[in-house]
Amino acid sequence: MSSPTSSSNVPMATTTAITAQRRLMRDLRDLTQNPVEGINAAPVNSDNIFHWNAILDGPEDSLFEDGSFVLSLKFPQDYPNHPPEVKFVTKIFHPNIYMDGSICLDILQHRWSASLDVSTLLISIRSLLTDPNPASPANSEAAMLYQNHRREYERRVRECIDQQLLEGDENDEDHNGKLATDKKNNVETTSSTSSPPGSSD
């Protein structure tokens, strides 16, 4: 016979996870039905609603416009009460992005609200690319260059994007001309999955 503690905790944990699943399915449906230009996001696979990939296109008429940035989003079992862990998988040089891809953004920390959804979060991250906050740096070198040596900052940003484009060209050749946008198509294909996972991992 199980103890009162374990028997009372399991239903609560399960209920919390189910609530998170439902909210994530709603966020996914909203993204699918109301797509945002330059943003694609969906679960990595249909078996785990708590792990997503996103692709952000660099905003037009900006330093980042030729770039396409892959992010990983890992949601807690009590989402939306707590924010996801979001990291850039694609290398990027930016004042508010750590070398490991973690992001210094207030709504991912002390200003998170349960009313925020995945779409709003990704819009904010994409806006951060062109509107950094050097006063709260994650990359002190990038922040210093942004404030004091803008031309060198722009060169470093372009260097990362040019490297990304070069690697994309090499991948195209390796796959007999297959387009690099297959990454984005994969996200879009996954987002069309309509059946929610049965349970959390």
N, C-alpha and C. Protein backbone atom coordinates (compact mmCIF):
# COMPACT_ATOMS: atom_id res chain seq x y z
N MET A 1 0.85 -1.19 0.00
CA MET A 1 0.00 0.00 0.00
C MET A 1 0.89 1.24 0.00
N SER A 2 0.62 2.17 -0.89
CA SER A 2 1.46 3.35 -0.98
C SER A 2 1.16 4.32 0.14
N SER A 3 2.15 5.13 0.44
CA SER A 3 2.01 6.10 1.53
C SER A 3 1.08 7.22 1.12
N PRO A 4 0.44 7.90 2.08
CA PRO A 4 -0.44 9.04 1.75
C PRO A 4 0.27 10.12 0.97
N THR A 5 1.58 10.31 1.29
CA THR A 5 2.33 11.37 0.61
C THR A 5 2.45 11.09 -0.87
N SER A 6 2.88 9.85 -1.21
CA SER A 6 3.06 9.55 -2.62
C SER A 6 1.73 9.53 -3.36
N SER A 7 0.69 9.00 -2.73
CA SER A 7 -0.60 8.92 -3.42
C SER A 7 -1.22 10.28 -3.64
N SER A 8 -0.91 11.23 -2.76
CA SER A 8 -1.47 12.57 -2.94
C SER A 8 -0.65 13.41 -3.90
N ASN A 9 0.66 13.12 -4.00
CA ASN A 9 1.52 13.91 -4.87
C ASN A 9 1.35 13.54 -6.34
N VAL A 10 1.19 12.28 -6.63
CA VAL A 10 1.13 11.85 -8.02
C VAL A 10 -0.01 12.49 -8.79
N PRO A 11 -1.24 12.48 -8.28
CA PRO A 11 -2.32 13.13 -9.03
C PRO A 11 -2.07 14.61 -9.27
N MET A 12 -1.50 15.29 -8.26
CA MET A 12 -1.24 16.72 -8.41
C MET A 12 -0.21 16.95 -9.52
N ALA A 13 0.87 16.15 -9.51
CA ALA A 13 1.90 16.30 -10.53
C ALA A 13 1.32 16.01 -11.91
N THR A 14 0.50 14.97 -12.00
CA THR A 14 -0.10 14.60 -13.27
C THR A 14 -1.02 15.70 -13.77
N THR A 15 -1.82 16.26 -12.87
CA THR A 15 -2.74 17.33 -13.24
C THR A 15 -1.98 18.55 -13.75
N THR A 16 -0.87 18.88 -13.09
CA THR A 16 -0.05 20.02 -13.52
C THR A 16 0.51 19.78 -14.91
N ALA A 17 1.01 18.58 -15.15
CA ALA A 17 1.59 18.26 -16.45
C ALA A 17 0.52 18.29 -17.55
N ILE A 18 -0.66 17.78 -17.24
CA ILE A 18 -1.76 17.79 -18.23
C ILE A 18 -2.15 19.22 -18.56
N THR A 19 -2.19 20.07 -17.53
CA THR A 19 -2.50 21.50 -17.76
C THR A 19 -1.45 22.12 -18.67
N ALA A 20 -0.17 21.78 -18.43
CA ALA A 20 0.91 22.31 -19.27
C ALA A 20 0.78 21.81 -20.70
N GLN A 21 0.46 20.52 -20.86
CA GLN A 21 0.28 19.96 -22.20
C GLN A 21 -0.83 20.69 -22.97
N ARG A 22 -1.94 20.91 -22.29
CA ARG A 22 -3.06 21.58 -22.95
C ARG A 22 -2.68 22.99 -23.37
N ARG A 23 -1.96 23.68 -22.50
CA ARG A 23 -1.55 25.05 -22.82
C ARG A 23 -0.58 25.05 -24.01
N LEU A 24 0.34 24.10 -24.02
CA LEU A 24 1.30 24.03 -25.13
C LEU A 24 0.61 23.68 -26.44
N MET A 25 -0.39 22.81 -26.39
CA MET A 25 -1.15 22.51 -27.59
C MET A 25 -1.89 23.74 -28.09
N ARG A 26 -2.39 24.55 -27.15
CA ARG A 26 -3.06 25.79 -27.54
C ARG A 26 -2.07 26.76 -28.18
N ASP A 27 -0.87 26.87 -27.58
CA ASP A 27 0.16 27.73 -28.15
C ASP A 27 0.53 27.27 -29.55
N LEU A 28 0.64 25.96 -29.74
CA LEU A 28 0.99 25.42 -31.05
C LEU A 28 -0.11 25.70 -32.06
N ARG A 29 -1.35 25.54 -31.64
CA ARG A 29 -2.49 25.81 -32.54
C ARG A 29 -2.51 27.29 -32.93
N ASP A 30 -2.26 28.17 -31.95
CA ASP A 30 -2.25 29.61 -32.25
C ASP A 30 -1.15 29.96 -33.26
N LEU A 31 0.02 29.35 -33.10
CA LEU A 31 1.12 29.60 -34.04
C LEU A 31 0.78 29.09 -35.44
N THR A 32 0.10 27.97 -35.50
CA THR A 32 -0.26 27.38 -36.79
C THR A 32 -1.35 28.19 -37.49
N GLN A 33 -2.35 28.61 -36.71
CA GLN A 33 -3.48 29.34 -37.30
C GLN A 33 -3.18 30.82 -37.51
N ASN A 34 -2.27 31.36 -36.73
CA ASN A 34 -1.90 32.78 -36.84
C ASN A 34 -0.38 32.91 -36.98
N PRO A 35 0.16 32.46 -38.11
CA PRO A 35 1.61 32.47 -38.27
C PRO A 35 2.19 33.88 -38.20
N VAL A 36 3.38 33.96 -37.64
CA VAL A 36 4.10 35.23 -37.51
C VAL A 36 5.25 35.23 -38.50
N GLU A 37 5.36 36.27 -39.29
CA GLU A 37 6.42 36.34 -40.29
C GLU A 37 7.79 36.20 -39.65
N GLY A 38 8.61 35.33 -40.21
CA GLY A 38 9.98 35.16 -39.71
C GLY A 38 10.11 34.21 -38.55
N ILE A 39 9.00 33.56 -38.15
CA ILE A 39 9.03 32.68 -36.98
C ILE A 39 8.36 31.35 -37.30
N ASN A 40 9.06 30.26 -37.02
CA ASN A 40 8.50 28.92 -37.11
C ASN A 40 8.87 28.17 -35.85
N ALA A 41 7.92 27.44 -35.29
CA ALA A 41 8.20 26.69 -34.06
C ALA A 41 7.24 25.52 -33.93
N ALA A 42 7.74 24.42 -33.37
CA ALA A 42 6.92 23.23 -33.18
C ALA A 42 7.69 22.25 -32.31
N PRO A 43 6.99 21.28 -31.70
CA PRO A 43 7.69 20.24 -30.95
C PRO A 43 8.69 19.50 -31.84
N VAL A 44 9.78 19.06 -31.25
CA VAL A 44 10.79 18.31 -31.98
C VAL A 44 10.20 17.03 -32.55
N ASN A 45 9.36 16.36 -31.76
CA ASN A 45 8.63 15.20 -32.27
C ASN A 45 7.28 15.13 -31.56
N SER A 46 6.38 14.35 -32.11
CA SER A 46 5.01 14.31 -31.61
C SER A 46 4.87 13.60 -30.27
N ASP A 47 5.94 12.95 -29.81
CA ASP A 47 5.87 12.21 -28.56
C ASP A 47 6.19 13.06 -27.33
N ASN A 48 6.71 14.26 -27.55
CA ASN A 48 7.13 15.09 -26.41
C ASN A 48 6.78 16.55 -26.67
N ILE A 49 5.66 16.99 -26.13
CA ILE A 49 5.20 18.36 -26.31
C ILE A 49 6.06 19.37 -25.55
N PHE A 50 6.91 18.88 -24.65
CA PHE A 50 7.68 19.78 -23.78
C PHE A 50 9.02 20.22 -24.39
N HIS A 51 9.38 19.71 -25.54
CA HIS A 51 10.64 20.11 -26.19
C HIS A 51 10.35 20.56 -27.61
N TRP A 52 10.61 21.84 -27.87
CA TRP A 52 10.35 22.43 -29.18
C TRP A 52 11.66 22.90 -29.82
N ASN A 53 11.63 23.03 -31.12
CA ASN A 53 12.63 23.77 -31.87
C ASN A 53 11.93 24.96 -32.52
N ALA A 54 12.67 26.04 -32.65
CA ALA A 54 12.15 27.22 -33.35
C ALA A 54 13.20 27.71 -34.33
N ILE A 55 12.76 28.35 -35.39
CA ILE A 55 13.66 28.99 -36.33
C ILE A 55 13.21 30.44 -36.50
N LEU A 56 14.14 31.34 -36.22
CA LEU A 56 13.88 32.77 -36.39
C LEU A 56 14.68 33.28 -37.58
N ASP A 57 14.01 33.90 -38.52
CA ASP A 57 14.71 34.58 -39.61
C ASP A 57 15.15 35.95 -39.11
N GLY A 58 16.36 36.34 -39.48
CA GLY A 58 16.82 37.66 -39.09
C GLY A 58 15.91 38.74 -39.64
N PRO A 59 15.57 39.75 -38.83
CA PRO A 59 14.69 40.83 -39.30
C PRO A 59 15.24 41.52 -40.54
N GLU A 60 14.34 41.87 -41.44
CA GLU A 60 14.76 42.57 -42.66
C GLU A 60 15.39 43.92 -42.33
N ASP A 61 16.29 44.35 -43.24
CA ASP A 61 16.97 45.64 -43.10
C ASP A 61 17.73 45.74 -41.78
N SER A 62 18.29 44.62 -41.34
CA SER A 62 19.10 44.62 -40.13
C SER A 62 20.38 43.84 -40.39
N LEU A 63 21.30 43.91 -39.45
CA LEU A 63 22.54 43.14 -39.55
C LEU A 63 22.28 41.65 -39.69
N PHE A 64 21.16 41.21 -39.14
CA PHE A 64 20.87 39.78 -39.04
C PHE A 64 20.00 39.25 -40.18
N GLU A 65 19.68 40.09 -41.17
CA GLU A 65 18.64 39.73 -42.14
C GLU A 65 18.98 38.49 -42.96
N ASP A 66 20.25 38.18 -43.16
CA ASP A 66 20.61 37.00 -43.96
C ASP A 66 20.70 35.73 -43.12
N GLY A 67 20.53 35.88 -41.81
CA GLY A 67 20.68 34.74 -40.93
C GLY A 67 19.37 34.01 -40.66
N SER A 68 19.50 32.75 -40.31
CA SER A 68 18.36 31.94 -39.88
C SER A 68 18.81 31.21 -38.62
N PHE A 69 18.12 31.45 -37.50
CA PHE A 69 18.64 31.04 -36.20
C PHE A 69 17.76 29.97 -35.57
N VAL A 70 18.38 28.84 -35.26
CA VAL A 70 17.67 27.73 -34.62
C VAL A 70 17.75 27.89 -33.10
N LEU A 71 16.61 27.72 -32.43
CA LEU A 71 16.55 27.78 -30.98
C LEU A 71 15.96 26.49 -30.43
N SER A 72 16.35 26.16 -29.22
CA SER A 72 15.78 25.03 -28.49
C SER A 72 14.95 25.58 -27.34
N LEU A 73 13.72 25.08 -27.19
CA LEU A 73 12.85 25.49 -26.08
C LEU A 73 12.46 24.25 -25.28
N LYS A 74 12.78 24.26 -24.01
CA LYS A 74 12.42 23.15 -23.12
C LYS A 74 11.49 23.69 -22.03
N PHE A 75 10.26 23.18 -22.04
CA PHE A 75 9.24 23.70 -21.14
C PHE A 75 9.16 22.87 -19.86
N PRO A 76 8.97 23.55 -18.73
CA PRO A 76 8.82 22.82 -17.46
C PRO A 76 7.44 22.16 -17.36
N GLN A 77 7.33 21.21 -16.47
CA GLN A 77 6.06 20.49 -16.30
C GLN A 77 4.95 21.40 -15.77
N ASP A 78 5.33 22.56 -15.20
CA ASP A 78 4.32 23.48 -14.68
C ASP A 78 4.16 24.73 -15.56
N TYR A 79 4.57 24.62 -16.83
CA TYR A 79 4.30 25.71 -17.77
C TYR A 79 2.77 25.92 -17.83
N PRO A 80 2.28 27.15 -17.88
CA PRO A 80 2.98 28.42 -18.08
C PRO A 80 3.33 29.17 -16.79
N ASN A 81 3.26 28.48 -15.66
CA ASN A 81 3.60 29.17 -14.41
C ASN A 81 5.09 29.55 -14.35
N HIS A 82 5.90 28.80 -15.06
CA HIS A 82 7.33 29.12 -15.16
C HIS A 82 7.74 29.12 -16.62
N PRO A 83 8.75 29.91 -16.98
CA PRO A 83 9.14 30.04 -18.39
C PRO A 83 9.92 28.83 -18.89
N PRO A 84 9.99 28.67 -20.19
CA PRO A 84 10.83 27.61 -20.75
C PRO A 84 12.30 27.99 -20.67
N GLU A 85 13.14 26.98 -20.81
CA GLU A 85 14.58 27.22 -20.98
C GLU A 85 14.81 27.36 -22.48
N VAL A 86 15.28 28.54 -22.89
CA VAL A 86 15.44 28.82 -24.32
C VAL A 86 16.92 29.09 -24.61
N LYS A 87 17.43 28.43 -25.65
CA LYS A 87 18.82 28.64 -26.05
C LYS A 87 18.92 28.73 -27.57
N PHE A 88 19.84 29.58 -28.02
CA PHE A 88 20.19 29.59 -29.43
C PHE A 88 21.08 28.39 -29.71
N VAL A 89 20.70 27.58 -30.69
CA VAL A 89 21.55 26.48 -31.14
C VAL A 89 22.54 27.02 -32.16
N THR A 90 22.08 27.93 -32.99
CA THR A 90 22.94 28.58 -33.98
C THR A 90 23.86 29.58 -33.28
N LYS A 91 25.12 29.56 -33.66
CA LYS A 91 26.08 30.51 -33.08
C LYS A 91 25.69 31.94 -33.46
N ILE A 92 25.76 32.82 -32.47
CA ILE A 92 25.37 34.22 -32.70
C ILE A 92 26.20 35.13 -31.80
N PHE A 93 26.54 36.30 -32.31
CA PHE A 93 27.31 37.30 -31.55
C PHE A 93 26.36 38.43 -31.21
N HIS A 94 26.02 38.55 -29.92
CA HIS A 94 24.99 39.51 -29.51
C HIS A 94 25.20 39.86 -28.03
N PRO A 95 24.97 41.12 -27.65
CA PRO A 95 25.19 41.53 -26.26
C PRO A 95 24.39 40.75 -25.22
N ASN A 96 23.22 40.26 -25.58
CA ASN A 96 22.34 39.63 -24.60
C ASN A 96 22.23 38.11 -24.75
N ILE A 97 23.19 37.53 -25.46
CA ILE A 97 23.19 36.07 -25.65
C ILE A 97 24.54 35.51 -25.22
N TYR A 98 24.49 34.59 -24.26
CA TYR A 98 25.71 33.98 -23.74
C TYR A 98 26.36 33.09 -24.78
N MET A 99 27.62 32.75 -24.55
CA MET A 99 28.36 31.92 -25.49
C MET A 99 27.71 30.54 -25.66
N ASP A 100 27.02 30.06 -24.62
CA ASP A 100 26.36 28.75 -24.74
C ASP A 100 24.97 28.84 -25.37
N GLY A 101 24.58 30.05 -25.79
CA GLY A 101 23.30 30.24 -26.45
C GLY A 101 22.17 30.68 -25.54
N SER A 102 22.40 30.67 -24.22
CA SER A 102 21.37 31.14 -23.29
C SER A 102 21.10 32.63 -23.51
N ILE A 103 19.90 33.05 -23.16
CA ILE A 103 19.46 34.42 -23.47
C ILE A 103 19.20 35.21 -22.20
N CYS A 104 19.73 36.41 -22.15
CA CYS A 104 19.46 37.32 -21.04
C CYS A 104 18.31 38.23 -21.46
N LEU A 105 17.10 37.85 -21.04
CA LEU A 105 15.90 38.58 -21.42
C LEU A 105 14.96 38.58 -20.23
N ASP A 106 14.45 39.75 -19.85
CA ASP A 106 13.68 39.86 -18.61
C ASP A 106 12.46 38.94 -18.57
N ILE A 107 11.78 38.75 -19.70
CA ILE A 107 10.58 37.91 -19.65
C ILE A 107 10.90 36.42 -19.54
N LEU A 108 12.17 36.06 -19.68
CA LEU A 108 12.58 34.68 -19.42
C LEU A 108 13.01 34.50 -17.98
N GLN A 109 12.97 35.59 -17.23
CA GLN A 109 13.42 35.55 -15.84
C GLN A 109 12.37 36.18 -14.94
N HIS A 110 12.70 37.33 -14.36
CA HIS A 110 11.84 37.91 -13.31
C HIS A 110 10.56 38.55 -13.84
N ARG A 111 10.46 38.77 -15.14
CA ARG A 111 9.24 39.38 -15.68
C ARG A 111 8.38 38.40 -16.48
N TRP A 112 8.60 37.12 -16.24
CA TRP A 112 7.76 36.13 -16.89
C TRP A 112 6.34 36.21 -16.34
N SER A 113 5.37 35.98 -17.19
CA SER A 113 3.97 35.95 -16.79
C SER A 113 3.28 34.77 -17.45
N ALA A 114 2.37 34.14 -16.73
CA ALA A 114 1.63 32.99 -17.28
C ALA A 114 0.77 33.39 -18.47
N SER A 115 0.55 34.68 -18.66
CA SER A 115 -0.26 35.14 -19.79
C SER A 115 0.55 35.15 -21.10
N LEU A 116 1.88 35.06 -20.99
CA LEU A 116 2.72 35.04 -22.18
C LEU A 116 2.63 33.67 -22.85
N ASP A 117 2.75 33.65 -24.17
CA ASP A 117 2.73 32.38 -24.88
C ASP A 117 3.98 32.26 -25.76
N VAL A 118 4.10 31.14 -26.46
CA VAL A 118 5.30 30.89 -27.25
C VAL A 118 5.46 31.94 -28.34
N SER A 119 4.38 32.30 -28.99
CA SER A 119 4.45 33.29 -30.06
C SER A 119 5.00 34.62 -29.55
N THR A 120 4.45 35.10 -28.43
CA THR A 120 4.90 36.38 -27.85
C THR A 120 6.37 36.30 -27.46
N LEU A 121 6.76 35.17 -26.88
CA LEU A 121 8.14 34.99 -26.45
C LEU A 121 9.09 35.05 -27.64
N LEU A 122 8.77 34.35 -28.71
CA LEU A 122 9.65 34.33 -29.87
C LEU A 122 9.69 35.68 -30.59
N ILE A 123 8.58 36.39 -30.59
CA ILE A 123 8.58 37.75 -31.16
C ILE A 123 9.53 38.64 -30.37
N SER A 124 9.52 38.50 -29.05
CA SER A 124 10.40 39.31 -28.19
C SER A 124 11.87 38.97 -28.43
N ILE A 125 12.16 37.68 -28.59
CA ILE A 125 13.55 37.28 -28.84
C ILE A 125 14.01 37.79 -30.19
N ARG A 126 13.15 37.71 -31.19
CA ARG A 126 13.52 38.21 -32.52
C ARG A 126 13.74 39.72 -32.49
N SER A 127 12.92 40.42 -31.72
CA SER A 127 13.10 41.88 -31.59
C SER A 127 14.41 42.21 -30.89
N LEU A 128 14.81 41.34 -29.96
CA LEU A 128 16.05 41.57 -29.22
C LEU A 128 17.26 41.60 -30.15
N LEU A 129 17.19 40.89 -31.27
CA LEU A 129 18.32 40.87 -32.20
C LEU A 129 18.69 42.28 -32.64
N THR A 130 17.68 43.09 -32.95
CA THR A 130 17.94 44.43 -33.47
C THR A 130 17.85 45.52 -32.39
N ASP A 131 17.44 45.13 -31.19
CA ASP A 131 17.30 46.11 -30.11
C ASP A 131 17.93 45.56 -28.83
N PRO A 132 19.25 45.38 -28.83
CA PRO A 132 19.91 44.80 -27.65
C PRO A 132 19.92 45.74 -26.47
N ASN A 133 20.16 45.17 -25.29
CA ASN A 133 20.27 45.96 -24.07
C ASN A 133 21.69 45.79 -23.51
N PRO A 134 22.63 46.63 -23.95
CA PRO A 134 24.02 46.48 -23.51
C PRO A 134 24.23 46.77 -22.03
N ALA A 135 23.23 47.37 -21.38
CA ALA A 135 23.34 47.65 -19.94
C ALA A 135 23.20 46.39 -19.11
N SER A 136 22.65 45.33 -19.72
CA SER A 136 22.51 44.05 -19.02
C SER A 136 23.10 42.96 -19.89
N PRO A 137 24.45 42.97 -20.03
CA PRO A 137 25.06 42.09 -21.03
C PRO A 137 25.20 40.64 -20.57
N ALA A 138 25.04 39.75 -21.55
CA ALA A 138 25.38 38.34 -21.36
C ALA A 138 26.75 38.08 -22.00
N ASN A 139 27.04 38.85 -23.04
CA ASN A 139 28.32 38.78 -23.73
C ASN A 139 28.96 40.16 -23.59
N SER A 140 29.88 40.30 -22.64
CA SER A 140 30.44 41.62 -22.33
C SER A 140 31.23 42.20 -23.49
N GLU A 141 31.89 41.34 -24.27
CA GLU A 141 32.65 41.83 -25.42
C GLU A 141 31.70 42.42 -26.47
N ALA A 142 30.62 41.70 -26.75
CA ALA A 142 29.65 42.19 -27.72
C ALA A 142 29.02 43.50 -27.25
N ALA A 143 28.71 43.59 -25.96
CA ALA A 143 28.12 44.81 -25.41
C ALA A 143 29.07 45.99 -25.54
N MET A 144 30.35 45.75 -25.23
CA MET A 144 31.35 46.82 -25.31
C MET A 144 31.51 47.30 -26.75
N LEU A 145 31.59 46.35 -27.68
CA LEU A 145 31.74 46.73 -29.08
C LEU A 145 30.50 47.45 -29.60
N TYR A 146 29.33 47.00 -29.19
CA TYR A 146 28.08 47.63 -29.62
C TYR A 146 28.04 49.10 -29.18
N GLN A 147 28.51 49.36 -27.97
CA GLN A 147 28.46 50.72 -27.43
C GLN A 147 29.58 51.60 -27.94
N ASN A 148 30.78 51.03 -28.09
CA ASN A 148 31.96 51.87 -28.33
C ASN A 148 32.62 51.69 -29.69
N HIS A 149 32.40 50.55 -30.31
CA HIS A 149 33.05 50.28 -31.60
C HIS A 149 32.04 49.59 -32.51
N ARG A 150 31.03 50.33 -32.93
CA ARG A 150 29.90 49.75 -33.64
C ARG A 150 30.33 49.04 -34.93
N ARG A 151 31.29 49.60 -35.61
CA ARG A 151 31.71 48.98 -36.87
C ARG A 151 32.30 47.59 -36.63
N GLU A 152 33.10 47.46 -35.58
CA GLU A 152 33.67 46.15 -35.26
C GLU A 152 32.59 45.18 -34.79
N TYR A 153 31.61 45.70 -34.05
CA TYR A 153 30.48 44.86 -33.64
C TYR A 153 29.76 44.32 -34.87
N GLU A 154 29.50 45.19 -35.84
CA GLU A 154 28.81 44.77 -37.05
C GLU A 154 29.62 43.73 -37.81
N ARG A 155 30.95 43.91 -37.80
CA ARG A 155 31.81 42.94 -38.49
C ARG A 155 31.72 41.57 -37.83
N ARG A 156 31.69 41.54 -36.50
CA ARG A 156 31.63 40.26 -35.77
C ARG A 156 30.28 39.57 -35.99
N VAL A 157 29.22 40.37 -36.02
CA VAL A 157 27.89 39.79 -36.29
C VAL A 157 27.88 39.17 -37.68
N ARG A 158 28.38 39.92 -38.66
CA ARG A 158 28.39 39.43 -40.03
C ARG A 158 29.27 38.19 -40.17
N GLU A 159 30.35 38.16 -39.43
CA GLU A 159 31.26 37.01 -39.47
C GLU A 159 30.53 35.72 -39.09
N CYS A 160 29.72 35.79 -38.03
CA CYS A 160 28.94 34.62 -37.60
C CYS A 160 27.93 34.21 -38.66
N ILE A 161 27.26 35.20 -39.23
CA ILE A 161 26.23 34.89 -40.24
C ILE A 161 26.87 34.35 -41.51
N ASP A 162 28.01 34.93 -41.92
CA ASP A 162 28.70 34.44 -43.11
C ASP A 162 29.15 32.99 -42.91
N GLN A 163 29.60 32.66 -41.70
CA GLN A 163 30.01 31.29 -41.40
C GLN A 163 28.80 30.35 -41.49
N GLN A 164 27.67 30.83 -40.98
CA GLN A 164 26.43 30.04 -41.05
C GLN A 164 26.04 29.78 -42.50
N LEU A 165 26.12 30.81 -43.34
CA LEU A 165 25.77 30.67 -44.75
C LEU A 165 26.73 29.73 -45.47
N LEU A 166 28.01 29.82 -45.10
CA LEU A 166 29.02 28.95 -45.71
C LEU A 166 28.74 27.49 -45.37
N GLU A 167 28.43 27.24 -44.09
CA GLU A 167 28.12 25.87 -43.67
C GLU A 167 26.85 25.38 -44.35
N GLY A 168 25.89 26.30 -44.55
CA GLY A 168 24.66 25.93 -45.24
C GLY A 168 24.93 25.53 -46.68
N ASP A 169 25.84 26.28 -47.36
CA ASP A 169 26.20 25.95 -48.74
C ASP A 169 26.87 24.58 -48.82
N GLU A 170 27.75 24.31 -47.84
CA GLU A 170 28.44 23.02 -47.83
C GLU A 170 27.45 21.88 -47.61
N ASN A 171 26.46 22.11 -46.74
CA ASN A 171 25.45 21.09 -46.50
C ASN A 171 24.61 20.84 -47.75
N ASP A 172 24.35 21.93 -48.50
CA ASP A 172 23.59 21.78 -49.75
C ASP A 172 24.32 20.84 -50.71
N GLU A 173 25.63 21.04 -50.83
CA GLU A 173 26.42 20.22 -51.74
C GLU A 173 26.44 18.76 -51.27
N ASP A 174 26.53 18.58 -49.95
CA ASP A 174 26.57 17.23 -49.39
C ASP A 174 25.27 16.47 -49.65
N HIS A 175 24.17 17.20 -49.81
CA HIS A 175 22.87 16.56 -50.01
C HIS A 175 22.37 16.74 -51.45
N ASN A 176 23.33 16.83 -52.38
CA ASN A 176 22.99 16.91 -53.81
C ASN A 176 22.02 18.04 -54.13
N GLY A 177 22.32 19.21 -53.56
CA GLY A 177 21.52 20.38 -53.89
C GLY A 177 20.27 20.54 -53.07
N LYS A 178 20.08 19.70 -52.06
CA LYS A 178 18.89 19.83 -51.21
C LYS A 178 18.93 21.16 -50.48
N LEU A 179 17.84 21.90 -50.45
CA LEU A 179 17.82 23.25 -49.92
C LEU A 179 18.03 23.27 -48.41
N ALA A 180 18.76 24.28 -47.94
CA ALA A 180 18.97 24.43 -46.50
C ALA A 180 17.67 24.70 -45.77
N THR A 181 16.66 25.17 -46.49
CA THR A 181 15.39 25.46 -45.84
C THR A 181 14.65 24.20 -45.41
N ASP A 182 15.23 23.03 -45.67
CA ASP A 182 14.62 21.79 -45.18
C ASP A 182 14.48 21.82 -43.67
N LYS A 183 15.40 22.51 -42.99
CA LYS A 183 15.28 22.64 -41.54
C LYS A 183 13.95 23.30 -41.17
N LYS A 184 13.64 24.36 -41.89
CA LYS A 184 12.40 25.08 -41.62
C LYS A 184 11.19 24.23 -42.01
N ASN A 185 11.30 23.54 -43.14
CA ASN A 185 10.19 22.69 -43.58
C ASN A 185 9.92 21.60 -42.57
N ASN A 186 10.98 21.11 -41.93
CA ASN A 186 10.81 20.07 -40.93
C ASN A 186 10.02 20.59 -39.74
N VAL A 187 10.31 21.83 -39.33
CA VAL A 187 9.57 22.43 -38.23
C VAL A 187 8.11 22.59 -38.63
N GLU A 188 7.88 23.07 -39.88
CA GLU A 188 6.51 23.30 -40.31
C GLU A 188 5.74 21.98 -40.41
N THR A 189 6.44 20.93 -40.88
CA THR A 189 5.79 19.63 -40.99
C THR A 189 5.39 19.12 -39.62
N THR A 190 6.30 19.26 -38.66
CA THR A 190 6.01 18.82 -37.30
C THR A 190 4.84 19.59 -36.72
N SER A 191 4.77 20.88 -37.06
CA SER A 191 3.70 21.71 -36.48
C SER A 191 2.33 21.32 -37.00
N SER A 192 2.29 20.58 -38.12
CA SER A 192 1.00 20.17 -38.65
C SER A 192 0.43 18.96 -37.93
N THR A 193 1.22 18.35 -37.04
CA THR A 193 0.75 17.21 -36.28
C THR A 193 -0.41 17.63 -35.40
N SER A 194 -1.53 17.00 -35.54
CA SER A 194 -2.72 17.46 -34.83
C SER A 194 -2.99 16.71 -33.55
N SER A 195 -2.49 15.48 -33.43
CA SER A 195 -2.82 14.69 -32.25
C SER A 195 -1.85 14.97 -31.13
N PRO A 196 -2.35 15.36 -29.94
CA PRO A 196 -1.46 15.65 -28.80
C PRO A 196 -0.88 14.37 -28.25
N PRO A 197 0.31 14.46 -27.63
CA PRO A 197 0.89 13.28 -27.01
C PRO A 197 0.03 12.81 -25.84
N GLY A 198 0.07 11.53 -25.59
CA GLY A 198 -0.77 10.99 -24.54
C GLY A 198 -0.35 11.39 -23.16
N SER A 199 0.96 11.50 -22.93
CA SER A 199 1.43 11.85 -21.59
C SER A 199 2.79 12.46 -21.70
N SER A 200 3.21 13.09 -20.63
CA SER A 200 4.52 13.73 -20.62
C SER A 200 5.59 12.69 -20.37
N ASP A 201 6.85 13.06 -20.76
CA ASP A 201 7.96 12.17 -20.47
C ASP A 201 8.34 12.25 -19.02
